[in-house]
PDB file of N, CA and C in Angstrom:
ATOM      1  N   GLN A   1     109.188  85.214 113.881  1.00  0.00           N
ATOM      2  CA  GLN A   1     108.293  86.313 113.607  1.00  0.00           C
ATOM      3  C   GLN A   1     108.737  87.022 112.333  1.00  0.00           C
ATOM      4  N   VAL A   2     107.929  87.989 111.888  1.00  0.00           N
ATOM      5  CA  VAL A   2     108.219  88.685 110.642  1.00  0.00           C
ATOM      6  C   VAL A   2     108.118  90.187 110.881  1.00  0.00           C
ATOM      7  N   GLN A   3     108.963  90.928 110.200  1.00  0.00           N
ATOM      8  CA  GLN A   3     108.926  92.390 110.237  1.00  0.00           C
ATOM      9  C   GLN A   3     108.375  92.891 108.903  1.00  0.00           C
ATOM     10  N   LEU A   4     107.545  93.915 108.961  1.00  0.00           N
ATOM     11  CA  LEU A   4     106.852  94.421 107.781  1.00  0.00           C
ATOM     12  C   LEU A   4     107.116  95.911 107.605  1.00  0.00           C
ATOM     13  N   VAL A   5     107.427  96.311 106.363  1.00  0.00           N
ATOM     14  CA  VAL A   5     107.658  97.720 106.059  1.00  0.00           C
ATOM     15  C   VAL A   5     106.847  98.084 104.819  1.00  0.00           C
ATOM     16  N   GLU A   6     105.930  99.046 104.991  1.00  0.00           N
ATOM     17  CA  GLU A   6     105.093  99.502 103.879  1.00  0.00           C
ATOM     18  C   GLU A   6     105.749 100.676 103.163  1.00  0.00           C
ATOM     19  N   SER A   7     105.408 100.814 101.884  1.00  0.00           N
ATOM     20  CA  SER A   7     105.848 101.966 101.093  1.00  0.00           C
ATOM     21  C   SER A   7     104.851 102.188  99.966  1.00  0.00           C
ATOM     22  N   GLY A   8     104.990 103.343  99.317  1.00  0.00           N
ATOM     23  CA  GLY A   8     104.170 103.616  98.144  1.00  0.00           C
ATOM     24  C   GLY A   8     103.008 104.559  98.367  1.00  0.00           C
ATOM     25  N   GLY A   9     102.783 104.956  99.614  1.00  0.00           N
ATOM     26  CA  GLY A   9     101.709 105.901  99.864  1.00  0.00           C
ATOM     27  C   GLY A   9     102.025 107.275  99.310  1.00  0.00           C
ATOM     28  N   GLY A  10     101.017 108.147  99.316  1.00  0.00           N
ATOM     29  CA  GLY A  10     101.214 109.499  98.820  1.00  0.00           C
ATOM     30  C   GLY A  10      99.903 110.194  98.611  1.00  0.00           C
ATOM     31  N   SER A  11      99.967 111.314  97.914  1.00  0.00           N
ATOM     32  CA  SER A  11      98.767 112.100  97.609  1.00  0.00           C
ATOM     33  C   SER A  11      98.443 111.979  96.134  1.00  0.00           C
ATOM     34  N   VAL A  12      97.154 111.851  95.834  1.00  0.00           N
ATOM     35  CA  VAL A  12      96.713 111.663  94.461  1.00  0.00           C
ATOM     36  C   VAL A  12      95.333 112.295  94.293  1.00  0.00           C
ATOM     37  N   GLN A  13      95.010 112.686  93.087  1.00  0.00           N
ATOM     38  CA  GLN A  13      93.686 113.206  92.783  1.00  0.00           C
ATOM     39  C   GLN A  13      92.687 112.057  92.653  1.00  0.00           C
ATOM     40  N   ALA A  14      91.437 112.352  92.925  1.00  0.00           N
ATOM     41  CA  ALA A  14      90.376 111.359  92.765  1.00  0.00           C
ATOM     42  C   ALA A  14      90.412 110.810  91.344  1.00  0.00           C
ATOM     43  N   GLY A  15      90.248 109.492  91.238  1.00  0.00           N
ATOM     44  CA  GLY A  15      90.330 108.826  89.948  1.00  0.00           C
ATOM     45  C   GLY A  15      91.708 108.296  89.623  1.00  0.00           C
ATOM     46  N   GLY A  16      92.698 108.696  90.414  1.00  0.00           N
ATOM     47  CA  GLY A  16      94.064 108.268  90.173  1.00  0.00           C
ATOM     48  C   GLY A  16      94.362 106.894  90.745  1.00  0.00           C
ATOM     49  N   SER A  17      95.632 106.511  90.649  1.00  0.00           N
ATOM     50  CA  SER A  17      96.070 105.189  91.092  1.00  0.00           C
ATOM     51  C   SER A  17      97.325 105.291  91.947  1.00  0.00           C
ATOM     52  N   LEU A  18      97.478 104.315  92.818  1.00  0.00           N
ATOM     53  CA  LEU A  18      98.694 104.144  93.601  1.00  0.00           C
ATOM     54  C   LEU A  18      98.939 102.649  93.773  1.00  0.00           C
ATOM     55  N   ARG A  19     100.202 102.283  93.968  1.00  0.00           N
ATOM     56  CA  ARG A  19     100.525 100.911  94.309  1.00  0.00           C
ATOM     57  C   ARG A  19     101.317 100.885  95.603  1.00  0.00           C
ATOM     58  N   LEU A  20     100.771 100.227  96.582  1.00  0.00           N
ATOM     59  CA  LEU A  20     101.451 100.049  97.859  1.00  0.00           C
ATOM     60  C   LEU A  20     102.265  98.761  97.847  1.00  0.00           C
ATOM     61  N   SER A  21     103.382  98.793  98.548  1.00  0.00           N
ATOM     62  CA  SER A  21     104.223  97.615  98.706  1.00  0.00           C
ATOM     63  C   SER A  21     104.466  97.351 100.179  1.00  0.00           C
ATOM     64  N   CYS A  22     104.638  96.092 100.517  1.00  0.00           N
ATOM     65  CA  CYS A  22     104.960  95.695 101.890  1.00  0.00           C
ATOM     66  C   CYS A  22     106.039  94.622 101.810  1.00  0.00           C
ATOM     67  N   THR A  23     107.199  94.954 102.305  1.00  0.00           N
ATOM     68  CA  THR A  23     108.319  94.018 102.273  1.00  0.00           C
ATOM     69  C   THR A  23     108.458  93.344 103.630  1.00  0.00           C
ATOM     70  N   ALA A  24     108.551  92.022 103.602  1.00  0.00           N
ATOM     71  CA  ALA A  24     108.639  91.235 104.830  1.00  0.00           C
ATOM     72  C   ALA A  24     110.044  90.684 105.017  1.00  0.00           C
ATOM     73  N   SER A  25     110.440  90.575 106.258  1.00  0.00           N
ATOM     74  CA  SER A  25     111.740  89.979 106.578  1.00  0.00           C
ATOM     75  C   SER A  25     111.638  89.257 107.910  1.00  0.00           C
ATOM     76  N   GLY A  26     112.525  88.312 108.126  1.00  0.00           N
ATOM     77  CA  GLY A  26     112.645  87.679 109.421  1.00  0.00           C
ATOM     78  C   GLY A  26     112.156  86.253 109.502  1.00  0.00           C
ATOM     79  N   ASP A  27     111.196  85.873 108.716  1.00  0.00           N
ATOM     80  CA  ASP A  27     110.674  84.503 108.777  1.00  0.00           C
ATOM     81  C   ASP A  27     110.304  84.054 107.375  1.00  0.00           C
ATOM     82  N   THR A  28     109.779  82.870 107.268  1.00  0.00           N
ATOM     83  CA  THR A  28     109.449  82.315 105.961  1.00  0.00           C
ATOM     84  C   THR A  28     108.169  82.950 105.445  1.00  0.00           C
ATOM     85  N   TYR A  29     108.329  83.997 104.643  1.00  0.00           N
ATOM     86  CA  TYR A  29     107.204  84.796 104.172  1.00  0.00           C
ATOM     87  C   TYR A  29     106.173  83.962 103.447  1.00  0.00           C
ATOM     88  N   ILE A  30     106.621  82.979 102.688  1.00  0.00           N
ATOM     89  CA  ILE A  30     105.721  82.249 101.816  1.00  0.00           C
ATOM     90  C   ILE A  30     104.643  81.505 102.606  1.00  0.00           C
ATOM     91  N   THR A  31     104.897  81.215 103.862  1.00  0.00           N
ATOM     92  CA  THR A  31     103.930  80.459 104.662  1.00  0.00           C
ATOM     93  C   THR A  31     102.927  81.368 105.367  1.00  0.00           C
ATOM     94  N   TYR A  32     103.093  82.666 105.250  1.00  0.00           N
ATOM     95  CA  TYR A  32     102.234  83.600 105.961  1.00  0.00           C
ATOM     96  C   TYR A  32     101.046  84.032 105.111  1.00  0.00           C
ATOM     97  N   SER A  33      99.912  84.208 105.758  1.00  0.00           N
ATOM     98  CA  SER A  33      98.787  84.904 105.148  1.00  0.00           C
ATOM     99  C   SER A  33      98.984  86.393 105.382  1.00  0.00           C
ATOM    100  N   MET A  34      98.586  87.211 104.394  1.00  0.00           N
ATOM    101  CA  MET A  34      98.892  88.639 104.419  1.00  0.00           C
ATOM    102  C   MET A  34      97.635  89.458 104.147  1.00  0.00           C
ATOM    103  N   GLY A  35      97.643  90.679 104.655  1.00  0.00           N
ATOM    104  CA  GLY A  35      96.486  91.534 104.405  1.00  0.00           C
ATOM    105  C   GLY A  35      96.841  93.002 104.417  1.00  0.00           C
ATOM    106  N   TRP A  36      95.987  93.791 103.793  1.00  0.00           N
ATOM    107  CA  TRP A  36      96.056  95.245 103.839  1.00  0.00           C
ATOM    108  C   TRP A  36      94.847  95.764 104.610  1.00  0.00           C
ATOM    109  N   PHE A  37      95.113  96.699 105.483  1.00  0.00           N
ATOM    110  CA  PHE A  37      94.077  97.309 106.304  1.00  0.00           C
ATOM    111  C   PHE A  37      94.248  98.819 106.244  1.00  0.00           C
ATOM    112  N   ARG A  38      93.211  99.542 106.616  1.00  0.00           N
ATOM    113  CA  ARG A  38      93.323 100.994 106.642  1.00  0.00           C
ATOM    114  C   ARG A  38      92.539 101.561 107.821  1.00  0.00           C
ATOM    115  N   GLN A  39      92.980 102.733 108.225  1.00  0.00           N
ATOM    116  CA  GLN A  39      92.304 103.402 109.332  1.00  0.00           C
ATOM    117  C   GLN A  39      92.306 104.896 109.075  1.00  0.00           C
ATOM    118  N   ALA A  40      91.107 105.451 108.987  1.00  0.00           N
ATOM    119  CA  ALA A  40      90.947 106.887 108.828  1.00  0.00           C
ATOM    120  C   ALA A  40      90.753 107.519 110.208  1.00  0.00           C
ATOM    121  N   PRO A  41      91.052 108.792 110.359  1.00  0.00           N
ATOM    122  CA  PRO A  41      90.888 109.445 111.662  1.00  0.00           C
ATOM    123  C   PRO A  41      89.472 109.290 112.204  1.00  0.00           C
ATOM    124  N   GLY A  42      89.369 108.860 113.450  1.00  0.00           N
ATOM    125  CA  GLY A  42      88.077 108.705 114.088  1.00  0.00           C
ATOM    126  C   GLY A  42      87.312 107.457 113.705  1.00  0.00           C
ATOM    127  N   LYS A  43      87.926 106.603 112.902  1.00  0.00           N
ATOM    128  CA  LYS A  43      87.252 105.379 112.464  1.00  0.00           C
ATOM    129  C   LYS A  43      88.035 104.149 112.896  1.00  0.00           C
ATOM    130  N   GLU A  44      87.346 103.021 112.916  1.00  0.00           N
ATOM    131  CA  GLU A  44      88.005 101.766 113.250  1.00  0.00           C
ATOM    132  C   GLU A  44      88.843 101.266 112.068  1.00  0.00           C
ATOM    133  N   ARG A  45      89.834 100.453 112.408  1.00  0.00           N
ATOM    134  CA  ARG A  45      90.638  99.847 111.362  1.00  0.00           C
ATOM    135  C   ARG A  45      89.779  98.838 110.593  1.00  0.00           C
ATOM    136  N   GLU A  46      89.854  98.869 109.270  1.00  0.00           N
ATOM    137  CA  GLU A  46      89.038  97.981 108.457  1.00  0.00           C
ATOM    138  C   GLU A  46      89.896  97.201 107.474  1.00  0.00           C
ATOM    139  N   GLY A  47      89.444  96.003 107.157  1.00  0.00           N
ATOM    140  CA  GLY A  47      90.134  95.185 106.177  1.00  0.00           C
ATOM    141  C   GLY A  47      89.881  95.662 104.764  1.00  0.00           C
ATOM    142  N   VAL A  48      90.930  95.775 103.994  1.00  0.00           N
ATOM    143  CA  VAL A  48      90.841  96.212 102.601  1.00  0.00           C
ATOM    144  C   VAL A  48      90.940  95.008 101.670  1.00  0.00           C
ATOM    145  N   ALA A  49      91.984  94.219 101.850  1.00  0.00           N
ATOM    146  CA  ALA A  49      92.198  93.046 101.004  1.00  0.00           C
ATOM    147  C   ALA A  49      93.133  92.094 101.723  1.00  0.00           C
ATOM    148  N   ALA A  50      93.004  90.809 101.427  1.00  0.00           N
ATOM    149  CA  ALA A  50      93.852  89.817 102.060  1.00  0.00           C
ATOM    150  C   ALA A  50      94.129  88.681 101.092  1.00  0.00           C
ATOM    151  N   VAL A  51      95.250  88.005 101.332  1.00  0.00           N
ATOM    152  CA  VAL A  51      95.608  86.837 100.526  1.00  0.00           C
ATOM    153  C   VAL A  51      96.211  85.797 101.454  1.00  0.00           C
ATOM    154  N   SER A  52      95.698  84.594 101.386  1.00  0.00           N
ATOM    155  CA  SER A  52      96.215  83.536 102.253  1.00  0.00           C
ATOM    156  C   SER A  52      97.494  82.960 101.656  1.00  0.00           C
ATOM    157  N   SER A  53      98.181  82.149 102.450  1.00  0.00           N
ATOM    158  CA  SER A  53      99.407  81.516 101.958  1.00  0.00           C
ATOM    159  C   SER A  53      99.125  80.608 100.773  1.00  0.00           C
ATOM    160  N   ALA A  54      97.874  80.121 100.670  1.00  0.00           N
ATOM    161  CA  ALA A  54      97.499  79.245  99.550  1.00  0.00           C
ATOM    162  C   ALA A  54      97.009  80.034  98.340  1.00  0.00           C
ATOM    163  N   GLY A  55      96.914  81.354  98.475  1.00  0.00           N
ATOM    164  CA  GLY A  55      96.525  82.185  97.340  1.00  0.00           C
ATOM    165  C   GLY A  55      95.076  82.610  97.299  1.00  0.00           C
ATOM    166  N   TYR A  56      94.279  82.238  98.309  1.00  0.00           N
ATOM    167  CA  TYR A  56      92.897  82.708  98.343  1.00  0.00           C
ATOM    168  C   TYR A  56      92.898  84.202  98.658  1.00  0.00           C
ATOM    169  N   THR A  57      91.987  84.952  98.023  1.00  0.00           N
ATOM    170  CA  THR A  57      91.932  86.383  98.231  1.00  0.00           C
ATOM    171  C   THR A  57      90.559  86.814  98.732  1.00  0.00           C
ATOM    172  N   GLY A  58      90.543  87.946  99.396  1.00  0.00           N
ATOM    173  CA  GLY A  58      89.294  88.532  99.859  1.00  0.00           C
ATOM    174  C   GLY A  58      89.405  90.044  99.807  1.00  0.00           C
ATOM    175  N   TYR A  59      88.288  90.724  99.554  1.00  0.00           N
ATOM    176  CA  TYR A  59      88.276  92.176  99.427  1.00  0.00           C
ATOM    177  C   TYR A  59      87.117  92.772 100.207  1.00  0.00           C
ATOM    178  N   GLY A  60      87.352  93.954 100.751  1.00  0.00           N
ATOM    179  CA  GLY A  60      86.267  94.688 101.367  1.00  0.00           C
ATOM    180  C   GLY A  60      85.294  95.163 100.304  1.00  0.00           C
ATOM    181  N   ASP A  61      84.031  95.301 100.666  1.00  0.00           N
ATOM    182  CA  ASP A  61      83.000  95.655  99.690  1.00  0.00           C
ATOM    183  C   ASP A  61      83.290  96.991  99.010  1.00  0.00           C
ATOM    184  N   SER A  62      83.853  97.928  99.743  1.00  0.00           N
ATOM    185  CA  SER A  62      84.054  99.263  99.192  1.00  0.00           C
ATOM    186  C   SER A  62      85.189  99.340  98.172  1.00  0.00           C
ATOM    187  N   VAL A  63      86.021  98.308  98.090  1.00  0.00           N
ATOM    188  CA  VAL A  63      87.164  98.347  97.172  1.00  0.00           C
ATOM    189  C   VAL A  63      87.085  97.308  96.075  1.00  0.00           C
ATOM    190  N   LYS A  64      86.078  96.448  96.108  1.00  0.00           N
ATOM    191  CA  LYS A  64      85.956  95.403  95.088  1.00  0.00           C
ATOM    192  C   LYS A  64      85.864  96.013  93.699  1.00  0.00           C
ATOM    193  N   GLY A  65      86.647  95.472  92.775  1.00  0.00           N
ATOM    194  CA  GLY A  65      86.657  95.978  91.414  1.00  0.00           C
ATOM    195  C   GLY A  65      87.606  97.146  91.203  1.00  0.00           C
ATOM    196  N   ARG A  66      88.144  97.716  92.290  1.00  0.00           N
ATOM    197  CA  ARG A  66      89.071  98.858  92.177  1.00  0.00           C
ATOM    198  C   ARG A  66      90.470  98.505  92.663  1.00  0.00           C
ATOM    199  N   PHE A  67      90.569  97.694  93.695  1.00  0.00           N
ATOM    200  CA  PHE A  67      91.852  97.335  94.291  1.00  0.00           C
ATOM    201  C   PHE A  67      92.180  95.876  93.982  1.00  0.00           C
ATOM    202  N   THR A  68      93.478  95.594  93.851  1.00  0.00           N
ATOM    203  CA  THR A  68      93.943  94.228  93.617  1.00  0.00           C
ATOM    204  C   THR A  68      95.123  93.929  94.524  1.00  0.00           C
ATOM    205  N   ILE A  69      95.016  92.835  95.266  1.00  0.00           N
ATOM    206  CA  ILE A  69      96.109  92.401  96.128  1.00  0.00           C
ATOM    207  C   ILE A  69      96.899  91.309  95.415  1.00  0.00           C
ATOM    208  N   SER A  70      98.205  91.337  95.583  1.00  0.00           N
ATOM    209  CA  SER A  70      99.048  90.301  95.000  1.00  0.00           C
ATOM    210  C   SER A  70     100.292  90.140  95.859  1.00  0.00           C
ATOM    211  N   ARG A  71     100.955  89.020  95.688  1.00  0.00           N
ATOM    212  CA  ARG A  71     102.173  88.770  96.448  1.00  0.00           C
ATOM    213  C   ARG A  71     103.225  88.161  95.549  1.00  0.00           C
ATOM    214  N   ASP A  72     104.455  88.559  95.766  1.00  0.00           N
ATOM    215  CA  ASP A  72     105.597  87.998  95.067  1.00  0.00           C
ATOM    216  C   ASP A  72     106.440  87.297  96.117  1.00  0.00           C
ATOM    217  N   ASN A  73     106.279  85.992  96.216  1.00  0.00           N
ATOM    218  CA  ASN A  73     106.971  85.243  97.270  1.00  0.00           C
ATOM    219  C   ASN A  73     108.485  85.244  97.070  1.00  0.00           C
ATOM    220  N   ALA A  74     108.942  85.350  95.841  1.00  0.00           N
ATOM    221  CA  ALA A  74     110.387  85.385  95.582  1.00  0.00           C
ATOM    222  C   ALA A  74     111.013  86.660  96.128  1.00  0.00           C
ATOM    223  N   LYS A  75     110.221  87.733  96.189  1.00  0.00           N
ATOM    224  CA  LYS A  75     110.724  89.021  96.697  1.00  0.00           C
ATOM    225  C   LYS A  75     110.233  89.321  98.101  1.00  0.00           C
ATOM    226  N   ASN A  76     109.515  88.391  98.703  1.00  0.00           N
ATOM    227  CA  ASN A  76     108.960  88.619 100.048  1.00  0.00           C
ATOM    228  C   ASN A  76     108.157  89.920 100.111  1.00  0.00           C
ATOM    229  N   THR A  77     107.383  90.175  99.081  1.00  0.00           N
ATOM    230  CA  THR A  77     106.689  91.449  98.980  1.00  0.00           C
ATOM    231  C   THR A  77     105.218  91.257  98.668  1.00  0.00           C
ATOM    232  N   LEU A  78     104.406  92.048  99.347  1.00  0.00           N
ATOM    233  CA  LEU A  78     102.962  92.105  99.141  1.00  0.00           C
ATOM    234  C   LEU A  78     102.644  93.435  98.478  1.00  0.00           C
ATOM    235  N   TYR A  79     101.687  93.416  97.537  1.00  0.00           N
ATOM    236  CA  TYR A  79     101.308  94.628  96.828  1.00  0.00           C
ATOM    237  C   TYR A  79      99.814  94.895  96.973  1.00  0.00           C
ATOM    238  N   LEU A  80      99.465  96.173  96.823  1.00  0.00           N
ATOM    239  CA  LEU A  80      98.066  96.560  96.707  1.00  0.00           C
ATOM    240  C   LEU A  80      97.978  97.597  95.590  1.00  0.00           C
ATOM    241  N   GLN A  81      97.420  97.189  94.464  1.00  0.00           N
ATOM    242  CA  GLN A  81      97.190  98.107  93.358  1.00  0.00           C
ATOM    243  C   GLN A  81      95.841  98.775  93.572  1.00  0.00           C
ATOM    244  N   MET A  82      95.848 100.093  93.667  1.00  0.00           N
ATOM    245  CA  MET A  82      94.630 100.846  93.948  1.00  0.00           C
ATOM    246  C   MET A  82      94.310 101.744  92.757  1.00  0.00           C
ATOM    247  N   ASN A  83      93.197 101.484  92.114  1.00  0.00           N
ATOM    248  CA  ASN A  83      92.755 102.267  90.966  1.00  0.00           C
ATOM    249  C   ASN A  83      91.449 102.984  91.297  1.00  0.00           C
ATOM    250  N   SER A  84      91.117 103.970  90.482  1.00  0.00           N
ATOM    251  CA  SER A  84      89.874 104.733  90.660  1.00  0.00           C
ATOM    252  C   SER A  84      89.720 105.203  92.101  1.00  0.00           C
ATOM    253  N   LEU A  85      90.765 105.779  92.630  1.00  0.00           N
ATOM    254  CA  LEU A  85      90.750 106.197  94.023  1.00  0.00           C
ATOM    255  C   LEU A  85      89.728 107.288  94.284  1.00  0.00           C
ATOM    256  N   ARG A  86      89.159 107.225  95.485  1.00  0.00           N
ATOM    257  CA  ARG A  86      88.127 108.174  95.913  1.00  0.00           C
ATOM    258  C   ARG A  86      88.594 108.882  97.181  1.00  0.00           C
ATOM    259  N   PRO A  87      88.053 110.060  97.454  1.00  0.00           N
ATOM    260  CA  PRO A  87      88.435 110.742  98.705  1.00  0.00           C
ATOM    261  C   PRO A  87      88.210 109.882  99.949  1.00  0.00           C
ATOM    262  N   GLU A  88      87.192 109.050  99.930  1.00  0.00           N
ATOM    263  CA  GLU A  88      86.915 108.198 101.088  1.00  0.00           C
ATOM    264  C   GLU A  88      87.933 107.075 101.267  1.00  0.00           C
ATOM    265  N   ASP A  89      88.840 106.904 100.318  1.00  0.00           N
ATOM    266  CA  ASP A  89      89.931 105.941 100.475  1.00  0.00           C
ATOM    267  C   ASP A  89      91.090 106.532 101.298  1.00  0.00           C
ATOM    268  N   THR A  90      91.006 107.804 101.617  1.00  0.00           N
ATOM    269  CA  THR A  90      92.054 108.452 102.401  1.00  0.00           C
ATOM    270  C   THR A  90      92.155 107.806 103.768  1.00  0.00           C
ATOM    271  N   ALA A  91      93.360 107.342 104.108  1.00  0.00           N
ATOM    272  CA  ALA A  91      93.571 106.641 105.378  1.00  0.00           C
ATOM    273  C   ALA A  91      95.050 106.287 105.512  1.00  0.00           C
ATOM    274  N   LEU A  92      95.391 105.812 106.681  1.00  0.00           N
ATOM    275  CA  LEU A  92      96.697 105.195 106.921  1.00  0.00           C
ATOM    276  C   LEU A  92      96.539 103.711 106.597  1.00  0.00           C
ATOM    277  N   TYR A  93      97.343 103.228 105.672  1.00  0.00           N
ATOM    278  CA  TYR A  93      97.234 101.846 105.221  1.00  0.00           C
ATOM    279  C   TYR A  93      98.318 100.993 105.886  1.00  0.00           C
ATOM    280  N   TYR A  94      97.890  99.867 106.435  1.00  0.00           N
ATOM    281  CA  TYR A  94      98.776  98.952 107.139  1.00  0.00           C
ATOM    282  C   TYR A  94      98.854  97.613 106.432  1.00  0.00           C
ATOM    283  N   CYS A  95     100.018  97.026 106.499  1.00  0.00           N
ATOM    284  CA  CYS A  95     100.238  95.655 106.057  1.00  0.00           C
ATOM    285  C   CYS A  95     100.250  94.773 107.309  1.00  0.00           C
ATOM    286  N   ALA A  96      99.698  93.574 107.203  1.00  0.00           N
ATOM    287  CA  ALA A  96      99.670  92.654 108.328  1.00  0.00           C
ATOM    288  C   ALA A  96      99.952  91.237 107.851  1.00  0.00           C
ATOM    289  N   ALA A  97     100.427  90.413 108.781  1.00  0.00           N
ATOM    290  CA  ALA A  97     100.793  89.036 108.453  1.00  0.00           C
ATOM    291  C   ALA A  97     100.442  88.108 109.598  1.00  0.00           C
ATOM    292  N   ASP A  98     100.142  86.871 109.241  1.00  0.00           N
ATOM    293  CA  ASP A  98      99.888  85.854 110.252  1.00  0.00           C
ATOM    294  C   ASP A  98     100.366  84.508 109.738  1.00  0.00           C
ATOM    295  N   PRO A  99     100.963  83.694 110.601  1.00  0.00           N
ATOM    296  CA  PRO A  99     101.478  82.402 110.145  1.00  0.00           C
ATOM    297  C   PRO A  99     100.396  81.351 109.895  1.00  0.00           C
ATOM    298  N   THR A 100      99.139  81.655 110.186  1.00  0.00           N
ATOM    299  CA  THR A 100      98.063  80.689 109.972  1.00  0.00           C
ATOM    300  C   THR A 100      97.802  80.496 108.479  1.00  0.00           C
ATOM    301  N   SER A 101      97.682  79.248 108.072  1.00  0.00           N
ATOM    302  CA  SER A 101      97.321  78.928 106.682  1.00  0.00           C
ATOM    303  C   SER A 101      95.807  78.803 106.591  1.00  0.00           C
ATOM    304  N   PHE A 102      95.139  79.885 106.267  1.00  0.00           N
ATOM    305  CA  PHE A 102      93.685  79.867 106.151  1.00  0.00           C
ATOM    306  C   PHE A 102      93.297  79.106 104.890  1.00  0.00           C
ATOM    307  N   VAL A 103      92.502  78.064 105.084  1.00  0.00           N
ATOM    308  CA  VAL A 103      92.156  77.200 103.956  1.00  0.00           C
ATOM    309  C   VAL A 103      90.836  77.658 103.349  1.00  0.00           C
ATOM    310  N   GLY A 104      90.872  78.056 102.069  1.00  0.00           N
ATOM    311  CA  GLY A 104      89.660  78.420 101.355  1.00  0.00           C
ATOM    312  C   GLY A 104      89.188  79.842 101.563  1.00  0.00           C
ATOM    313  N   TRP A 105      89.923  80.625 102.355  1.00  0.00           N
ATOM    314  CA  TRP A 105      89.510  82.009 102.562  1.00  0.00           C
ATOM    315  C   TRP A 105      90.675  82.850 103.028  1.00  0.00           C
ATOM    316  N   ALA A 106      90.474  84.158 102.993  1.00  0.00           N
ATOM    317  CA  ALA A 106      91.482  85.097 103.471  1.00  0.00           C
ATOM    318  C   ALA A 106      90.762  86.121 104.351  1.00  0.00           C
ATOM    319  N   PRO A 107      90.960  86.059 105.654  1.00  0.00           N
ATOM    320  CA  PRO A 107      90.184  86.900 106.557  1.00  0.00           C
ATOM    321  C   PRO A 107      90.508  88.381 106.466  1.00  0.00           C
ATOM    322  N   LEU A 108      89.495  89.200 106.652  1.00  0.00           N
ATOM    323  CA  LEU A 108      89.641  90.648 106.608  1.00  0.00           C
ATOM    324  C   LEU A 108      89.524  91.306 107.981  1.00  0.00           C
ATOM    325  N   ALA A 109      89.283  90.527 109.004  1.00  0.00           N
ATOM    326  CA  ALA A 109      89.194  91.092 110.352  1.00  0.00           C
ATOM    327  C   ALA A 109      90.590  91.260 110.936  1.00  0.00           C
ATOM    328  N   PRO A 110      90.918  92.442 111.441  1.00  0.00           N
ATOM    329  CA  PRO A 110      92.265  92.690 111.959  1.00  0.00           C
ATOM    330  C   PRO A 110      92.711  91.696 113.037  1.00  0.00           C
ATOM    331  N   GLY A 111      91.787  91.177 113.809  1.00  0.00           N
ATOM    332  CA  GLY A 111      92.131  90.286 114.900  1.00  0.00           C
ATOM    333  C   GLY A 111      92.774  88.977 114.490  1.00  0.00           C
ATOM    334  N   PHE A 112      92.668  88.634 113.216  1.00  0.00           N
ATOM    335  CA  PHE A 112      93.267  87.392 112.733  1.00  0.00           C
ATOM    336  C   PHE A 112      94.772  87.514 112.505  1.00  0.00           C
ATOM    337  N   TYR A 113      95.300  88.723 112.519  1.00  0.00           N
ATOM    338  CA  TYR A 113      96.685  88.959 112.109  1.00  0.00           C
ATOM    339  C   TYR A 113      97.556  89.337 113.297  1.00  0.00           C
ATOM    340  N   LYS A 114      98.719  88.708 113.350  1.00  0.00           N
ATOM    341  CA  LYS A 114      99.597  88.851 114.517  1.00  0.00           C
ATOM    342  C   LYS A 114     100.620  89.962 114.348  1.00  0.00           C
ATOM    343  N   TYR A 115     101.126  90.156 113.148  1.00  0.00           N
ATOM    344  CA  TYR A 115     102.222  91.107 112.918  1.00  0.00           C
ATOM    345  C   TYR A 115     101.745  92.252 112.042  1.00  0.00           C
ATOM    346  N   TRP A 116     102.219  93.452 112.377  1.00  0.00           N
ATOM    347  CA  TRP A 116     101.759  94.660 111.700  1.00  0.00           C
ATOM    348  C   TRP A 116     102.930  95.574 111.348  1.00  0.00           C
ATOM    349  N   GLY A 117     102.795  96.263 110.208  1.00  0.00           N
ATOM    350  CA  GLY A 117     103.744  97.303 109.862  1.00  0.00           C
ATOM    351  C   GLY A 117     103.350  98.624 110.490  1.00  0.00           C
ATOM    352  N   GLN A 118     104.117  99.669 110.185  1.00  0.00           N
ATOM    353  CA  GLN A 118     103.891 100.989 110.765  1.00  0.00           C
ATOM    354  C   GLN A 118     102.897 101.827 109.981  1.00  0.00           C
ATOM    355  N   GLY A 119     102.608 101.436 108.754  1.00  0.00           N
ATOM    356  CA  GLY A 119     101.615 102.136 107.953  1.00  0.00           C
ATOM    357  C   GLY A 119     102.208 103.122 106.974  1.00  0.00           C
ATOM    358  N   THR A 120     101.455 103.382 105.910  1.00  0.00           N
ATOM    359  CA  THR A 120     101.812 104.388 104.917  1.00  0.00           C
ATOM    360  C   THR A 120     100.552 105.186 104.577  1.00  0.00           C
ATOM    361  N   GLN A 121     100.704 106.508 104.522  1.00  0.00           N
ATOM    362  CA  GLN A 121      99.544 107.380 104.355  1.00  0.00           C
ATOM    363  C   GLN A 121      99.132 107.486 102.893  1.00  0.00           C
ATOM    364  N   VAL A 122      97.838 107.367 102.660  1.00  0.00           N
ATOM    365  CA  VAL A 122      97.257 107.601 101.331  1.00  0.00           C
ATOM    366  C   VAL A 122      96.238 108.728 101.462  1.00  0.00           C
ATOM    367  N   THR A 123      96.405 109.760 100.653  1.00  0.00           N
ATOM    368  CA  THR A 123      95.491 110.895 100.665  1.00  0.00           C
ATOM    369  C   THR A 123      94.957 111.112  99.259  1.00  0.00           C
ATOM    370  N   VAL A 124      93.639 111.117  99.135  1.00  0.00           N
ATOM    371  CA  VAL A 124      92.996 111.301  97.839  1.00  0.00           C
ATOM    372  C   VAL A 124      92.222 112.610  97.865  1.00  0.00           C
ATOM    373  N   ALA A 125      92.609 113.523  97.007  1.00  0.00           N
ATOM    374  CA  ALA A 125      91.967 114.839  96.945  1.00  0.00           C
ATOM    375  C   ALA A 125      90.820 114.818  95.930  1.00  0.00           C
ATOM    376  N   SER A 126      89.753 115.525  96.275  1.00  0.00           N
ATOM    377  CA  SER A 126      88.581 115.569  95.379  1.00  0.00           C
ATOM    378  C   SER A 126      88.765 116.622  94.299  1.00  0.00           C
TER     379      SER A 126
END
């Protein structure tokens, strides 16, 4: 199994940027598909961005063109670069991992992922 620790959250003004990091330990990170998810108070957890072990990426409609997911397999780290942040991006952001090698796609549904971090808070002020 793999353990995940997120960092990089914080408070920012609308239009600003943040970069989230997720460091993995415990298993062979390079074989895992990874994703970023978020959950705002009173709302369901939603997929933000994902990257499969083969490098396929997927993005939620609300973040396309603003957020970029990337992974550094040498550092066992997943990143989420968030630009042009909006107040509606305010949420607790989670990193997730699954050992499945999704071929040709990277799923955004939380149910596809087995391991989860504790989350990091992102707050965007208007």
